[in-house]
Protein backbone atom coordinates (compact mmCIF):
# COMPACT_ATOMS: atom_id res chain seq x y z
CA UNK A 1 -59.62 -47.47 -86.49
CA UNK A 2 -61.76 -45.90 -83.55
CA UNK A 3 -64.68 -47.92 -84.94
CA UNK A 4 -63.06 -51.17 -84.72
CA UNK A 5 -62.50 -50.73 -81.48
CA UNK A 6 -65.82 -50.67 -80.52
CA UNK A 7 -66.40 -53.15 -82.14
CA UNK A 8 -63.89 -55.42 -80.42
CA UNK A 9 -64.78 -53.58 -76.78
CA UNK A 10 -68.38 -55.45 -77.45
CA UNK A 11 -66.61 -58.39 -78.22
CA UNK A 12 -64.92 -57.86 -75.15
CA UNK A 13 -68.10 -57.69 -73.46
CA UNK A 14 -70.09 -60.80 -75.09
CA UNK A 15 -67.63 -63.26 -74.63
CA UNK A 16 -66.30 -61.53 -70.98
CA UNK A 17 -70.41 -62.72 -70.06
CA UNK A 18 -70.19 -65.72 -71.61
CA UNK A 19 -67.18 -66.42 -69.42
CA UNK A 20 -68.73 -64.92 -66.27
CA UNK A 21 -71.85 -67.08 -67.29
CA UNK A 22 -69.71 -70.50 -67.61
CA UNK A 23 -67.42 -69.96 -64.53
CA UNK A 24 -71.02 -69.62 -62.62
CA UNK A 25 -72.19 -72.78 -63.79
CA UNK A 26 -69.13 -74.71 -63.36
CA UNK A 27 -67.98 -72.99 -59.56
CA UNK A 28 -71.46 -72.55 -57.96
CA UNK A 29 -74.19 -74.95 -60.01
CA UNK A 30 -74.06 -78.55 -59.72
CA UNK A 31 -74.99 -78.91 -63.77
CA UNK A 32 -73.58 -78.28 -66.73
CA UNK A 33 -73.44 -75.83 -69.39
CA UNK A 34 -76.44 -77.30 -71.70
CA UNK A 35 -78.83 -79.02 -68.45
CA UNK A 36 -78.41 -75.43 -66.67
CA UNK A 37 -79.40 -73.32 -69.44
CA UNK A 38 -82.10 -75.84 -70.21
CA UNK A 39 -82.60 -75.97 -66.91
CA UNK A 40 -82.57 -71.86 -66.31
CA UNK A 41 -85.17 -71.01 -68.85
CA UNK A 42 -88.04 -73.81 -67.71
CA UNK A 43 -87.18 -71.50 -64.71
CA UNK A 44 -88.53 -68.31 -66.21
CA UNK A 45 -83.99 -67.72 -64.56
CA UNK A 46 -82.34 -67.26 -67.75
CA UNK A 47 -82.01 -63.12 -67.91
CA UNK A 48 -80.68 -63.50 -63.59
CA UNK A 49 -77.93 -66.15 -65.38
CA UNK A 50 -76.86 -63.48 -68.10
CA UNK A 51 -77.40 -60.48 -65.09
CA UNK A 52 -75.12 -62.22 -63.13
CA UNK A 53 -72.45 -63.63 -65.79
CA UNK A 54 -72.27 -59.87 -67.79
CA UNK A 55 -70.77 -58.66 -63.66
CA UNK A 56 -67.25 -59.45 -65.26
CA UNK A 57 -67.67 -56.59 -67.56
CA UNK A 58 -67.13 -53.92 -64.91
CA UNK A 59 -64.13 -55.13 -64.50
CA UNK A 60 -62.87 -55.15 -68.09
CA UNK A 61 -64.24 -51.80 -68.16
CA UNK A 62 -61.72 -50.08 -65.39
CA UNK A 63 -58.92 -51.91 -67.20
CA UNK A 64 -59.72 -50.95 -70.60
CA UNK A 65 -60.04 -47.37 -69.16
CA UNK A 66 -56.85 -47.88 -66.86
CA UNK A 67 -55.16 -48.65 -70.85
CA UNK A 68 -56.19 -45.36 -72.39
CA UNK A 69 -58.50 -47.83 -74.51
CA UNK A 70 -61.69 -45.42 -74.21
CA UNK A 71 -63.84 -47.00 -76.87
CA UNK A 72 -62.72 -50.87 -76.09
CA UNK A 73 -64.26 -49.15 -72.66
CA UNK A 74 -67.38 -47.53 -74.63
CA UNK A 75 -67.94 -50.98 -76.89
CA UNK A 76 -68.18 -52.40 -73.63
CA UNK A 77 -70.42 -50.76 -71.71
CA UNK A 78 -72.53 -50.95 -75.23
CA UNK A 79 -72.15 -55.16 -75.24
CA UNK A 80 -73.45 -54.27 -71.82
CA UNK A 81 -76.61 -52.52 -73.05
CA UNK A 82 -76.81 -55.39 -75.46
CA UNK A 83 -76.94 -57.66 -72.29
CA UNK A 84 -79.37 -55.55 -70.82
CA UNK A 85 -82.31 -56.11 -73.20
CA UNK A 86 -81.66 -59.51 -73.80
CA UNK A 87 -82.24 -60.43 -69.75
CA UNK A 88 -85.58 -58.41 -70.17
CA UNK A 89 -86.97 -60.81 -73.27
CA UNK A 90 -85.07 -63.94 -71.71
């Protein structure tokens, strides 16, 4: 059961980061999601956008620790590491 909790944590981390990217694009910029991705990709700023979206993973990590879901919290950390690698190449 612990391996499935790790997978759930990874999925939670990726969805949370995507939600963070969406919220940033919606409330901070004047672009739509599609326009924003194209513009930021052409400017070389897409990695920074992904990093900003991953900030929400910090809150989710501590929430899962408070709920005694250590393996899910590890999955969130793993998802954050995956997003870091993606940021390096974006």
